[in-house]
């Protein structure tokens, strides 16, 4: 385990968006790693594009916890936003009820996928005081100004604005959702605080009743729970500009002697059947949509099957293939009785230390599965331990092959098997064969042994 007094060559390499290179990870304090990820805006069910960022964070934090003695992982909930207000109005629903309900659904979906909860999950509405304090400090430092009930960040006051996304000043407006407003000193200046009418959520402030801009929320929450400087900030590549660029600007201007985030980790976008996911194309998939047709672990494996920085093409064929791969892994585990506890295999960990190379780590699981198929108990233990680092292979193999069926479905299948057994004992083999065929038509494979009949889904 590395210590502050030592400077060993770090094992972990990460691609840092700001450096635009894959570099060794050098923690600010090896005794305590601090990570912040942008969480969901809670007005609807999470989609599989959201899930990719959550999975990247999950694997990263699992890995960090094998390398360092303490990791604090913060992932926020954005529960004040104009999209939330609009959806609540459309639903005829109270804003608080909407955000509470969708937050619970988000937690339920991630738990199904084996995504570990963050150590701290701050809600934006619980941190308004911290946001107002930062805004006041930015005004005092000359980086923000008040105009017609709004407070705006002055982009021109921060010379290194654009350094994170790599955009020069002439390009900055091209990718931004810039609101043209007469009260702005420059078109690229962005809102820190805006006025609220009677129907919008709002809080009293020195600038009048209003609500925060999106960007200041994450700056305030990361500062409150991780301090001026922390190790890693992550999220989807769609957040690189303007959200993360603006976060960086606000935080460095508020705390000019800090580093804010030392490394920036961004995952690439996700396609569905080769096209950008959108409701207009009819290919918009929530996590819940996919879980209705396949085991959660198959979706997790599919998403981890591509490197997080490469564009992932989600396909039905790919989902089916992921399920077959898991069948193979679980069959390897089921070929060994009494699987021993084992440490994470070095080959799997080493693959993830190469900028979270999940495809390479999965390839190492195949090697271990080959060995376990031959009855190697140690390989089976290593396979399960390697899977755990990826959030995979923790189910009982027998339950996996039963497909996670409901209690009612299990009882119906067990009833038919018992009926078939009775027919065999009565030497009514035609009836027994008919029942086997009936089960087979339902995708149920029977395995008769001297100890009885077991079953699994094909």
Foldseek 3Di string as FASTA:
>chain_A
DDAPVDDDQALFWAQFLLVNGTGGADFPGLQEAEEEEEADAQQDFAFVQNVLQLLLVQLVVLLSVVVGVYYAYEYEYELADVVLLVSCVVVVHDSVVRRVVRVVNNVVLCVLLLRDDGPYYYYLVVQVVLLQVLLVLCVVLVQWDDFPLWIWGNPVVFVCQCSSVVDDPVCQVVLDPFDDDPRDPDRPIGTQWHADDPSHDWDQHPSGTTDGDPQSSSLSVCCVPPNLEGEEYEEAPSCSPPRVSVSQRSSCSSVVVGPHYPGYHHFYGEAEQPHNDDVVVVRTGGSVNVVVPARSNLSLCQSLLDQRNDYRYDYPVSSVVSLVLLLLLLVLLVQEPPQDADAADPQLSSCCSSNHNSNSSVVVLVVLSVVSNVVPSPSSNNSCNSQVSSSDDPDNSLCVQQPVDDPVVVVVLVVLQVVLVVCVVVVVPVSNVVSCVVCVVVQKDWDQDPVGIGIGGD
